[in-house]
Full PDB file with SEQRES, HELIX, SHEET, SSBOND, CRYST1, ORIGX, SCALE, CONECT and MASTER records, all heavy atoms in Angstrom:
SEQRES   1 A   36  ARG HIS ASP LEU ALA ALA ALA ASP GLU ARG VAL LYS ILE          
SEQRES   2 A   36  LEU SER GLU GLN ASN LYS GLN LEU SER THR ARG VAL SER          
SEQRES   3 A   36  LYS LEU HIS THR ASP ALA GLU ILE GLU ARG                      
HELIX    1 AA1 HIS A    2  LEU A   28  1                                  27    
HELIX    2 AA2 ASP A   31  GLU A   35  1                                   5    
CRYST1    1.000    1.000    1.000  90.00  90.00  90.00 P 1           1          
ORIGX1      1.000000  0.000000  0.000000        0.00000                         
ORIGX2      0.000000  1.000000  0.000000        0.00000                         
ORIGX3      0.000000  0.000000  1.000000        0.00000                         
SCALE1      1.000000  0.000000  0.000000        0.00000                         
SCALE2      0.000000  1.000000  0.000000        0.00000                         
SCALE3      0.000000  0.000000  1.000000        0.00000                         
ATOM      1  N   ARG A   1     -60.961-255.710 114.238  1.00  0.00           N  
ATOM      2  CA  ARG A   1     -59.829-255.858 115.112  1.00  0.00           C  
ATOM      3  C   ARG A   1     -58.664-256.445 114.389  1.00  0.00           C  
ATOM      4  O   ARG A   1     -57.493-255.983 114.570  1.00  0.00           O  
ATOM      5  CB  ARG A   1     -60.167-256.667 116.365  1.00  0.00           C  
ATOM      6  CG  ARG A   1     -60.910-255.864 117.413  1.00  0.00           C  
ATOM      7  CD  ARG A   1     -61.114-256.637 118.684  1.00  0.00           C  
ATOM      8  NE  ARG A   1     -59.839-257.097 119.201  1.00  0.00           N  
ATOM      9  CZ  ARG A   1     -59.748-258.028 120.160  1.00  0.00           C  
ATOM     10  NH1 ARG A   1     -60.845-258.476 120.777  1.00  0.00           N  
ATOM     11  NH2 ARG A   1     -58.572-258.421 120.590  1.00  0.00           N  
ATOM     12  N   HIS A   2     -58.925-257.440 113.619  1.00  0.00           N  
ATOM     13  CA  HIS A   2     -57.884-258.097 112.790  1.00  0.00           C  
ATOM     14  C   HIS A   2     -57.282-257.125 111.779  1.00  0.00           C  
ATOM     15  O   HIS A   2     -56.033-257.050 111.661  1.00  0.00           O  
ATOM     16  CB  HIS A   2     -58.447-259.303 112.072  1.00  0.00           C  
ATOM     17  CG  HIS A   2     -57.442-260.053 111.216  1.00  0.00           C  
ATOM     18  ND1 HIS A   2     -57.264-259.746 109.932  1.00  0.00           N  
ATOM     19  CD2 HIS A   2     -56.487-260.920 111.544  1.00  0.00           C  
ATOM     20  CE1 HIS A   2     -56.310-260.494 109.412  1.00  0.00           C  
ATOM     21  NE2 HIS A   2     -55.782-261.239 110.382  1.00  0.00           N  
ATOM     22  N   ASP A   3     -58.118-256.414 111.103  1.00  0.00           N  
ATOM     23  CA  ASP A   3     -57.641-255.409 110.110  1.00  0.00           C  
ATOM     24  C   ASP A   3     -56.779-254.295 110.826  1.00  0.00           C  
ATOM     25  O   ASP A   3     -55.819-253.856 110.282  1.00  0.00           O  
ATOM     26  CB  ASP A   3     -58.821-254.755 109.411  1.00  0.00           C  
ATOM     27  CG  ASP A   3     -59.521-255.746 108.488  1.00  0.00           C  
ATOM     28  OD1 ASP A   3     -58.977-256.842 108.205  1.00  0.00           O  
ATOM     29  OD2 ASP A   3     -60.669-255.473 108.108  1.00  0.00           O  
ATOM     30  N   LEU A   4     -57.231-253.894 111.999  1.00  0.00           N  
ATOM     31  CA  LEU A   4     -56.479-252.889 112.766  1.00  0.00           C  
ATOM     32  C   LEU A   4     -55.130-253.372 113.173  1.00  0.00           C  
ATOM     33  O   LEU A   4     -54.098-252.641 113.082  1.00  0.00           O  
ATOM     34  CB  LEU A   4     -57.291-252.405 113.958  1.00  0.00           C  
ATOM     35  CG  LEU A   4     -56.707-251.298 114.765  1.00  0.00           C  
ATOM     36  CD1 LEU A   4     -56.635-250.032 113.927  1.00  0.00           C  
ATOM     37  CD2 LEU A   4     -57.614-251.025 115.999  1.00  0.00           C  
ATOM     38  N   ALA A   5     -55.023-254.621 113.609  1.00  0.00           N  
ATOM     39  CA  ALA A   5     -53.754-255.174 114.024  1.00  0.00           C  
ATOM     40  C   ALA A   5     -52.834-255.283 112.805  1.00  0.00           C  
ATOM     41  O   ALA A   5     -51.621-255.000 112.901  1.00  0.00           O  
ATOM     42  CB  ALA A   5     -54.003-256.583 114.659  1.00  0.00           C  
ATOM     43  N   ALA A   6     -53.340-255.679 111.687  1.00  0.00           N  
ATOM     44  CA  ALA A   6     -52.537-255.757 110.430  1.00  0.00           C  
ATOM     45  C   ALA A   6     -52.067-254.426 110.046  1.00  0.00           C  
ATOM     46  O   ALA A   6     -50.932-254.249 109.620  1.00  0.00           O  
ATOM     47  CB  ALA A   6     -53.358-256.442 109.355  1.00  0.00           C  
ATOM     48  N   ALA A   7     -52.910-253.410 110.133  1.00  0.00           N  
ATOM     49  CA  ALA A   7     -52.552-252.047 109.769  1.00  0.00           C  
ATOM     50  C   ALA A   7     -51.478-251.513 110.742  1.00  0.00           C  
ATOM     51  O   ALA A   7     -50.531-250.889 110.267  1.00  0.00           O  
ATOM     52  CB  ALA A   7     -53.761-251.116 109.771  1.00  0.00           C  
ATOM     53  N   ASP A   8     -51.586-251.782 112.021  1.00  0.00           N  
ATOM     54  CA  ASP A   8     -50.535-251.384 112.988  1.00  0.00           C  
ATOM     55  C   ASP A   8     -49.197-252.018 112.679  1.00  0.00           C  
ATOM     56  O   ASP A   8     -48.158-251.377 112.720  1.00  0.00           O  
ATOM     57  CB  ASP A   8     -50.977-251.771 114.425  1.00  0.00           C  
ATOM     58  CG  ASP A   8     -51.982-250.843 114.974  1.00  0.00           C  
ATOM     59  OD1 ASP A   8     -52.204-249.708 114.434  1.00  0.00           O  
ATOM     60  OD2 ASP A   8     -52.694-251.243 115.957  1.00  0.00           O  
ATOM     61  N   GLU A   9     -49.212-253.302 112.306  1.00  0.00           N  
ATOM     62  CA  GLU A   9     -47.984-253.992 111.969  1.00  0.00           C  
ATOM     63  C   GLU A   9     -47.335-253.383 110.744  1.00  0.00           C  
ATOM     64  O   GLU A   9     -46.145-253.173 110.632  1.00  0.00           O  
ATOM     65  CB  GLU A   9     -48.254-255.486 111.730  1.00  0.00           C  
ATOM     66  CG  GLU A   9     -47.035-256.299 111.453  1.00  0.00           C  
ATOM     67  CD  GLU A   9     -46.047-256.377 112.602  1.00  0.00           C  
ATOM     68  OE1 GLU A   9     -46.561-256.273 113.769  1.00  0.00           O  
ATOM     69  OE2 GLU A   9     -44.853-256.533 112.426  1.00  0.00           O  
ATOM     70  N   ARG A  10     -48.161-253.033 109.775  1.00  0.00           N  
ATOM     71  CA  ARG A  10     -47.666-252.395 108.537  1.00  0.00           C  
ATOM     72  C   ARG A  10     -47.125-250.991 108.789  1.00  0.00           C  
ATOM     73  O   ARG A  10     -46.100-250.640 108.234  1.00  0.00           O  
ATOM     74  CB  ARG A  10     -48.801-252.347 107.498  1.00  0.00           C  
ATOM     75  CG  ARG A  10     -48.360-251.833 106.179  1.00  0.00           C  
ATOM     76  CD  ARG A  10     -49.240-252.290 105.057  1.00  0.00           C  
ATOM     77  NE  ARG A  10     -48.645-251.865 103.795  1.00  0.00           N  
ATOM     78  CZ  ARG A  10     -49.267-251.321 102.792  1.00  0.00           C  
ATOM     79  NH1 ARG A  10     -50.560-251.152 102.853  1.00  0.00           N  
ATOM     80  NH2 ARG A  10     -48.661-250.990 101.726  1.00  0.00           N  
ATOM     81  N   VAL A  11     -47.721-250.286 109.675  1.00  0.00           N  
ATOM     82  CA  VAL A  11     -47.235-248.970 110.080  1.00  0.00           C  
ATOM     83  C   VAL A  11     -45.865-249.066 110.713  1.00  0.00           C  
ATOM     84  O   VAL A  11     -44.947-248.296 110.410  1.00  0.00           O  
ATOM     85  CB  VAL A  11     -48.251-248.228 110.992  1.00  0.00           C  
ATOM     86  CG1 VAL A  11     -47.618-247.037 111.665  1.00  0.00           C  
ATOM     87  CG2 VAL A  11     -49.455-247.791 110.185  1.00  0.00           C  
ATOM     88  N   LYS A  12     -45.701-250.061 111.595  1.00  0.00           N  
ATOM     89  CA  LYS A  12     -44.388-250.276 112.237  1.00  0.00           C  
ATOM     90  C   LYS A  12     -43.291-250.592 111.183  1.00  0.00           C  
ATOM     91  O   LYS A  12     -42.190-250.038 111.246  1.00  0.00           O  
ATOM     92  CB  LYS A  12     -44.468-251.422 113.236  1.00  0.00           C  
ATOM     93  CG  LYS A  12     -45.233-251.073 114.506  1.00  0.00           C  
ATOM     94  CD  LYS A  12     -45.308-252.298 115.400  1.00  0.00           C  
ATOM     95  CE  LYS A  12     -46.162-251.994 116.616  1.00  0.00           C  
ATOM     96  NZ  LYS A  12     -46.285-253.169 117.495  1.00  0.00           N  
ATOM     97  N   ILE A  13     -43.616-251.417 110.247  1.00  0.00           N  
ATOM     98  CA  ILE A  13     -42.644-251.786 109.226  1.00  0.00           C  
ATOM     99  C   ILE A  13     -42.335-250.592 108.335  1.00  0.00           C  
ATOM    100  O   ILE A  13     -41.131-250.335 108.052  1.00  0.00           O  
ATOM    101  CB  ILE A  13     -43.191-252.976 108.368  1.00  0.00           C  
ATOM    102  CG1 ILE A  13     -43.234-254.260 109.210  1.00  0.00           C  
ATOM    103  CG2 ILE A  13     -42.330-253.197 107.132  1.00  0.00           C  
ATOM    104  CD1 ILE A  13     -43.974-255.363 108.527  1.00  0.00           C  
ATOM    105  N   LEU A  14     -43.305-249.829 107.967  1.00  0.00           N  
ATOM    106  CA  LEU A  14     -43.087-248.691 107.120  1.00  0.00           C  
ATOM    107  C   LEU A  14     -42.320-247.592 107.837  1.00  0.00           C  
ATOM    108  O   LEU A  14     -41.482-246.894 107.197  1.00  0.00           O  
ATOM    109  CB  LEU A  14     -44.397-248.188 106.537  1.00  0.00           C  
ATOM    110  CG  LEU A  14     -45.107-249.031 105.500  1.00  0.00           C  
ATOM    111  CD1 LEU A  14     -46.461-248.511 105.104  1.00  0.00           C  
ATOM    112  CD2 LEU A  14     -44.235-249.266 104.238  1.00  0.00           C  
ATOM    113  N   SER A  15     -42.626-247.416 109.104  1.00  0.00           N  
ATOM    114  CA  SER A  15     -41.879-246.360 109.822  1.00  0.00           C  
ATOM    115  C   SER A  15     -40.369-246.743 110.020  1.00  0.00           C  
ATOM    116  O   SER A  15     -39.513-245.914 109.907  1.00  0.00           O  
ATOM    117  CB  SER A  15     -42.525-246.091 111.203  1.00  0.00           C  
ATOM    118  OG  SER A  15     -42.424-247.230 112.007  1.00  0.00           O  
ATOM    119  N   GLU A  16     -40.143-248.059 110.149  1.00  0.00           N  
ATOM    120  CA  GLU A  16     -38.756-248.489 110.227  1.00  0.00           C  
ATOM    121  C   GLU A  16     -38.023-248.290 108.867  1.00  0.00           C  
ATOM    122  O   GLU A  16     -36.913-247.816 108.816  1.00  0.00           O  
ATOM    123  CB  GLU A  16     -38.728-249.944 110.630  1.00  0.00           C  
ATOM    124  CG  GLU A  16     -37.299-250.517 110.768  1.00  0.00           C  
ATOM    125  CD  GLU A  16     -37.315-251.963 111.203  1.00  0.00           C  
ATOM    126  OE1 GLU A  16     -38.133-252.332 112.063  1.00  0.00           O  
ATOM    127  OE2 GLU A  16     -36.511-252.717 110.702  1.00  0.00           O  
ATOM    128  N   GLN A  17     -38.738-248.578 107.808  1.00  0.00           N  
ATOM    129  CA  GLN A  17     -38.169-248.337 106.488  1.00  0.00           C  
ATOM    130  C   GLN A  17     -37.956-246.850 106.244  1.00  0.00           C  
ATOM    131  O   GLN A  17     -36.952-246.449 105.619  1.00  0.00           O  
ATOM    132  CB  GLN A  17     -39.057-248.910 105.398  1.00  0.00           C  
ATOM    133  CG  GLN A  17     -39.069-250.451 105.321  1.00  0.00           C  
ATOM    134  CD  GLN A  17     -40.044-250.985 104.294  1.00  0.00           C  
ATOM    135  OE1 GLN A  17     -40.833-250.239 103.709  1.00  0.00           O  
ATOM    136  NE2 GLN A  17     -39.928-252.284 104.086  1.00  0.00           N  
ATOM    137  N   ASN A  18     -38.823-245.999 106.721  1.00  0.00           N  
ATOM    138  CA  ASN A  18     -38.690-244.598 106.588  1.00  0.00           C  
ATOM    139  C   ASN A  18     -37.446-244.073 107.337  1.00  0.00           C  
ATOM    140  O   ASN A  18     -36.725-243.232 106.814  1.00  0.00           O  
ATOM    141  CB  ASN A  18     -39.934-243.829 107.120  1.00  0.00           C  
ATOM    142  CG  ASN A  18     -40.991-243.751 106.022  1.00  0.00           C  
ATOM    143  OD1 ASN A  18     -40.780-243.940 104.854  1.00  0.00           O  
ATOM    144  ND2 ASN A  18     -42.209-243.505 106.494  1.00  0.00           N  
ATOM    145  N   LYS A  19     -37.212-244.634 108.516  1.00  0.00           N  
ATOM    146  CA  LYS A  19     -36.027-244.279 109.285  1.00  0.00           C  
ATOM    147  C   LYS A  19     -34.779-244.665 108.511  1.00  0.00           C  
ATOM    148  O   LYS A  19     -33.818-243.885 108.427  1.00  0.00           O  
ATOM    149  CB  LYS A  19     -35.998-244.938 110.632  1.00  0.00           C  
ATOM    150  CG  LYS A  19     -36.987-244.361 111.596  1.00  0.00           C  
ATOM    151  CD  LYS A  19     -37.002-245.104 112.937  1.00  0.00           C  
ATOM    152  CE  LYS A  19     -38.079-244.645 113.836  1.00  0.00           C  
ATOM    153  NZ  LYS A  19     -38.133-245.408 115.095  1.00  0.00           N  
ATOM    154  N   GLN A  20     -34.754-245.874 107.952  1.00  0.00           N  
ATOM    155  CA  GLN A  20     -33.577-246.317 107.150  1.00  0.00           C  
ATOM    156  C   GLN A  20     -33.377-245.456 105.938  1.00  0.00           C  
ATOM    157  O   GLN A  20     -32.221-245.074 105.619  1.00  0.00           O  
ATOM    158  CB  GLN A  20     -33.744-247.770 106.737  1.00  0.00           C  
ATOM    159  CG  GLN A  20     -33.711-248.754 107.859  1.00  0.00           C  
ATOM    160  CD  GLN A  20     -34.097-250.178 107.476  1.00  0.00           C  
ATOM    161  OE1 GLN A  20     -34.509-250.395 106.345  1.00  0.00           O  
ATOM    162  NE2 GLN A  20     -33.865-251.116 108.323  1.00  0.00           N  
ATOM    163  N   LEU A  21     -34.454-245.100 105.223  1.00  0.00           N  
ATOM    164  CA  LEU A  21     -34.283-244.243 104.073  1.00  0.00           C  
ATOM    165  C   LEU A  21     -33.905-242.824 104.420  1.00  0.00           C  
ATOM    166  O   LEU A  21     -33.083-242.207 103.696  1.00  0.00           O  
ATOM    167  CB  LEU A  21     -35.618-244.213 103.274  1.00  0.00           C  
ATOM    168  CG  LEU A  21     -35.990-245.567 102.540  1.00  0.00           C  
ATOM    169  CD1 LEU A  21     -37.371-245.466 101.977  1.00  0.00           C  
ATOM    170  CD2 LEU A  21     -34.981-245.919 101.513  1.00  0.00           C  
ATOM    171  N   SER A  22     -34.346-242.340 105.560  1.00  0.00           N  
ATOM    172  CA  SER A  22     -33.927-240.993 105.967  1.00  0.00           C  
ATOM    173  C   SER A  22     -32.453-240.983 106.310  1.00  0.00           C  
ATOM    174  O   SER A  22     -31.713-240.014 105.977  1.00  0.00           O  
ATOM    175  CB  SER A  22     -34.709-240.536 107.221  1.00  0.00           C  
ATOM    176  OG  SER A  22     -36.057-240.416 106.886  1.00  0.00           O  
ATOM    177  N   THR A  23     -31.950-242.101 106.913  1.00  0.00           N  
ATOM    178  CA  THR A  23     -30.549-242.161 107.218  1.00  0.00           C  
ATOM    179  C   THR A  23     -29.770-242.197 105.901  1.00  0.00           C  
ATOM    180  O   THR A  23     -28.718-241.571 105.794  1.00  0.00           O  
ATOM    181  CB  THR A  23     -30.292-243.448 108.050  1.00  0.00           C  
ATOM    182  OG1 THR A  23     -31.036-243.402 109.202  1.00  0.00           O  
ATOM    183  CG2 THR A  23     -28.837-243.547 108.406  1.00  0.00           C  
ATOM    184  N   ARG A  24     -30.241-242.959 104.921  1.00  0.00           N  
ATOM    185  CA  ARG A  24     -29.535-243.044 103.648  1.00  0.00           C  
ATOM    186  C   ARG A  24     -29.546-241.701 102.934  1.00  0.00           C  
ATOM    187  O   ARG A  24     -28.561-241.315 102.323  1.00  0.00           O  
ATOM    188  CB  ARG A  24     -30.198-244.117 102.789  1.00  0.00           C  
ATOM    189  CG  ARG A  24     -29.515-244.302 101.453  1.00  0.00           C  
ATOM    190  CD  ARG A  24     -29.998-245.458 100.673  1.00  0.00           C  
ATOM    191  NE  ARG A  24     -29.578-245.344  99.330  1.00  0.00           N  
ATOM    192  CZ  ARG A  24     -28.636-246.115  98.768  1.00  0.00           C  
ATOM    193  NH1 ARG A  24     -28.052-247.029  99.525  1.00  0.00           N  
ATOM    194  NH2 ARG A  24     -28.313-245.967  97.506  1.00  0.00           N  
ATOM    195  N   VAL A  25     -30.665-240.964 102.992  1.00  0.00           N  
ATOM    196  CA  VAL A  25     -30.708-239.669 102.324  1.00  0.00           C  
ATOM    197  C   VAL A  25     -29.709-238.691 102.979  1.00  0.00           C  
ATOM    198  O   VAL A  25     -29.059-237.994 102.237  1.00  0.00           O  
ATOM    199  CB  VAL A  25     -32.181-239.102 102.439  1.00  0.00           C  
ATOM    200  CG1 VAL A  25     -32.201-237.643 102.102  1.00  0.00           C  
ATOM    201  CG2 VAL A  25     -33.046-239.840 101.481  1.00  0.00           C  
ATOM    202  N   SER A  26     -29.684-238.682 104.300  1.00  0.00           N  
ATOM    203  CA  SER A  26     -28.705-237.777 104.961  1.00  0.00           C  
ATOM    204  C   SER A  26     -27.270-238.217 104.637  1.00  0.00           C  
ATOM    205  O   SER A  26     -26.422-237.354 104.465  1.00  0.00           O  
ATOM    206  CB  SER A  26     -28.920-237.752 106.446  1.00  0.00           C  
ATOM    207  OG  SER A  26     -28.735-239.038 106.988  1.00  0.00           O  
ATOM    208  N   LYS A  27     -27.041-239.535 104.470  1.00  0.00           N  
ATOM    209  CA  LYS A  27     -25.734-239.989 104.121  1.00  0.00           C  
ATOM    210  C   LYS A  27     -25.377-239.654 102.701  1.00  0.00           C  
ATOM    211  O   LYS A  27     -24.211-239.303 102.379  1.00  0.00           O  
ATOM    212  CB  LYS A  27     -25.662-241.493 104.314  1.00  0.00           C  
ATOM    213  CG  LYS A  27     -24.276-242.108 104.237  1.00  0.00           C  
ATOM    214  CD  LYS A  27     -24.339-243.611 104.552  1.00  0.00           C  
ATOM    215  CE  LYS A  27     -23.005-244.275 104.517  1.00  0.00           C  
ATOM    216  NZ  LYS A  27     -23.059-245.668 104.735  1.00  0.00           N  
ATOM    217  N   LEU A  28     -26.355-239.602 101.821  1.00  0.00           N  
ATOM    218  CA  LEU A  28     -26.116-239.304 100.377  1.00  0.00           C  
ATOM    219  C   LEU A  28     -25.776-237.823 100.157  1.00  0.00           C  
ATOM    220  O   LEU A  28     -25.311-237.456  99.114  1.00  0.00           O  
ATOM    221  CB  LEU A  28     -27.349-239.691  99.544  1.00  0.00           C  
ATOM    222  CG  LEU A  28     -27.539-241.160  99.240  1.00  0.00           C  
ATOM    223  CD1 LEU A  28     -28.829-241.452  98.589  1.00  0.00           C  
ATOM    224  CD2 LEU A  28     -26.362-241.719  98.421  1.00  0.00           C  
ATOM    225  N   HIS A  29     -26.086-237.017 101.142  1.00  0.00           N  
ATOM    226  CA  HIS A  29     -25.773-235.594 101.043  1.00  0.00           C  
ATOM    227  C   HIS A  29     -24.305-235.246 101.406  1.00  0.00           C  
ATOM    228  O   HIS A  29     -23.921-234.095 101.364  1.00  0.00           O  
ATOM    229  CB  HIS A  29     -26.718-234.712 101.882  1.00  0.00           C  
ATOM    230  CG  HIS A  29     -28.078-234.660 101.243  1.00  0.00           C  
ATOM    231  ND1 HIS A  29     -28.328-234.090 100.036  1.00  0.00           N  
ATOM    232  CD2 HIS A  29     -29.283-235.094 101.698  1.00  0.00           C  
ATOM    233  CE1 HIS A  29     -29.628-234.156  99.798  1.00  0.00           C  
ATOM    234  NE2 HIS A  29     -30.211-234.803 100.780  1.00  0.00           N  
ATOM    235  N   THR A  30     -23.534-236.276 101.803  1.00  0.00           N  
ATOM    236  CA  THR A  30     -22.122-236.026 102.167  1.00  0.00           C  
ATOM    237  C   THR A  30     -21.251-236.212 100.935  1.00  0.00           C  
ATOM    238  O   THR A  30     -21.538-237.000 100.047  1.00  0.00           O  
ATOM    239  CB  THR A  30     -21.690-236.962 103.256  1.00  0.00           C  
ATOM    240  OG1 THR A  30     -21.773-238.337 102.832  1.00  0.00           O  
ATOM    241  CG2 THR A  30     -22.552-236.827 104.528  1.00  0.00           C  
ATOM    242  N   ASP A  31     -20.119-235.476 100.931  1.00  0.00           N  
ATOM    243  CA  ASP A  31     -19.194-235.592  99.782  1.00  0.00           C  
ATOM    244  C   ASP A  31     -18.518-236.974  99.708  1.00  0.00           C  
ATOM    245  O   ASP A  31     -18.278-237.487  98.660  1.00  0.00           O  
ATOM    246  CB  ASP A  31     -18.138-234.495  99.923  1.00  0.00           C  
ATOM    247  CG  ASP A  31     -18.677-233.097  99.701  1.00  0.00           C  
ATOM    248  OD1 ASP A  31     -19.726-233.041  99.058  1.00  0.00           O  
ATOM    249  OD2 ASP A  31     -18.070-232.122 100.151  1.00  0.00           O  
ATOM    250  N   ALA A  32     -18.293-237.581 100.886  1.00  0.00           N  
ATOM    251  CA  ALA A  32     -17.599-238.873 100.882  1.00  0.00           C  
ATOM    252  C   ALA A  32     -18.470-239.951 100.246  1.00  0.00           C  
ATOM    253  O   ALA A  32     -17.997-240.786  99.469  1.00  0.00           O  
ATOM    254  CB  ALA A  32     -17.278-239.278 102.309  1.00  0.00           C  
ATOM    255  N   GLU A  33     -19.730-239.889 100.520  1.00  0.00           N  
ATOM    256  CA  GLU A  33     -20.683-240.875  99.967  1.00  0.00           C  
ATOM    257  C   GLU A  33     -20.816-240.660  98.444  1.00  0.00           C  
ATOM    258  O   GLU A  33     -20.917-241.611  97.651  1.00  0.00           O  
ATOM    259  CB  GLU A  33     -22.005-240.834 100.638  1.00  0.00           C  
ATOM    260  CG  GLU A  33     -22.986-241.901 100.212  1.00  0.00           C  
ATOM    261  CD  GLU A  33     -22.531-243.315 100.618  1.00  0.00           C  
ATOM    262  OE1 GLU A  33     -21.633-243.488 101.414  1.00  0.00           O  
ATOM    263  OE2 GLU A  33     -23.142-244.289 100.100  1.00  0.00           O  
ATOM    264  N   ILE A  34     -20.893-239.401  98.050  1.00  0.00           N  
ATOM    265  CA  ILE A  34     -21.039-239.106  96.626  1.00  0.00           C  
ATOM    266  C   ILE A  34     -19.788-239.574  95.824  1.00  0.00           C  
ATOM    267  O   ILE A  34     -19.891-240.229  94.844  1.00  0.00           O  
ATOM    268  CB  ILE A  34     -21.254-237.575  96.360  1.00  0.00           C  
ATOM    269  CG1 ILE A  34     -22.603-237.160  96.942  1.00  0.00           C  
ATOM    270  CG2 ILE A  34     -21.138-237.228  94.927  1.00  0.00           C  
ATOM    271  CD1 ILE A  34     -22.857-235.674  96.980  1.00  0.00           C  
ATOM    272  N   GLU A  35     -18.603-239.367  96.452  1.00  0.00           N  
ATOM    273  CA  GLU A  35     -17.366-239.861  95.842  1.00  0.00           C  
ATOM    274  C   GLU A  35     -17.352-241.393  95.777  1.00  0.00           C  
ATOM    275  O   GLU A  35     -16.976-241.983  94.739  1.00  0.00           O  
ATOM    276  CB  GLU A  35     -16.175-239.301  96.602  1.00  0.00           C  
ATOM    277  CG  GLU A  35     -14.842-239.749  95.995  1.00  0.00           C  
ATOM    278  CD  GLU A  35     -13.666-239.276  96.796  1.00  0.00           C  
ATOM    279  OE1 GLU A  35     -13.812-238.364  97.662  1.00  0.00           O  
ATOM    280  OE2 GLU A  35     -12.572-239.770  96.542  1.00  0.00           O  
ATOM    281  N   ARG A  36     -17.774-242.050  96.840  1.00  0.00           N  
ATOM    282  CA  ARG A  36     -17.782-243.502  96.864  1.00  0.00           C  
ATOM    283  C   ARG A  36     -18.684-244.051  95.764  1.00  0.00           C  
ATOM    284  O   ARG A  36     -18.316-244.966  95.025  1.00  0.00           O  
ATOM    285  CB  ARG A  36     -18.248-244.004  98.232  1.00  0.00           C  
ATOM    286  CG  ARG A  36     -18.159-245.502  98.355  1.00  0.00           C  
ATOM    287  CD  ARG A  36     -18.805-245.997  99.651  1.00  0.00           C  
ATOM    288  NE  ARG A  36     -20.195-245.850  99.657  1.00  0.00           N  
ATOM    289  CZ  ARG A  36     -21.086-246.720  99.051  1.00  0.00           C  
ATOM    290  NH1 ARG A  36     -20.584-247.747  98.377  1.00  0.00           N  
ATOM    291  NH2 ARG A  36     -22.327-246.539  99.173  1.00  0.00           N  
TER     292      ARG A  36                                                      
MASTER        0    0    0    2    0    0    0    6  291    1    0    3          
END                                                                             
């Protein structure tokens, strides 16, 4: 149960980081961001 709770917490953190990275990837595909 302890291992499962720790894994769930890690999944939440990693999914949040994935969302941030996906946002950054979509932002990097714009001309304005490339120019900046």
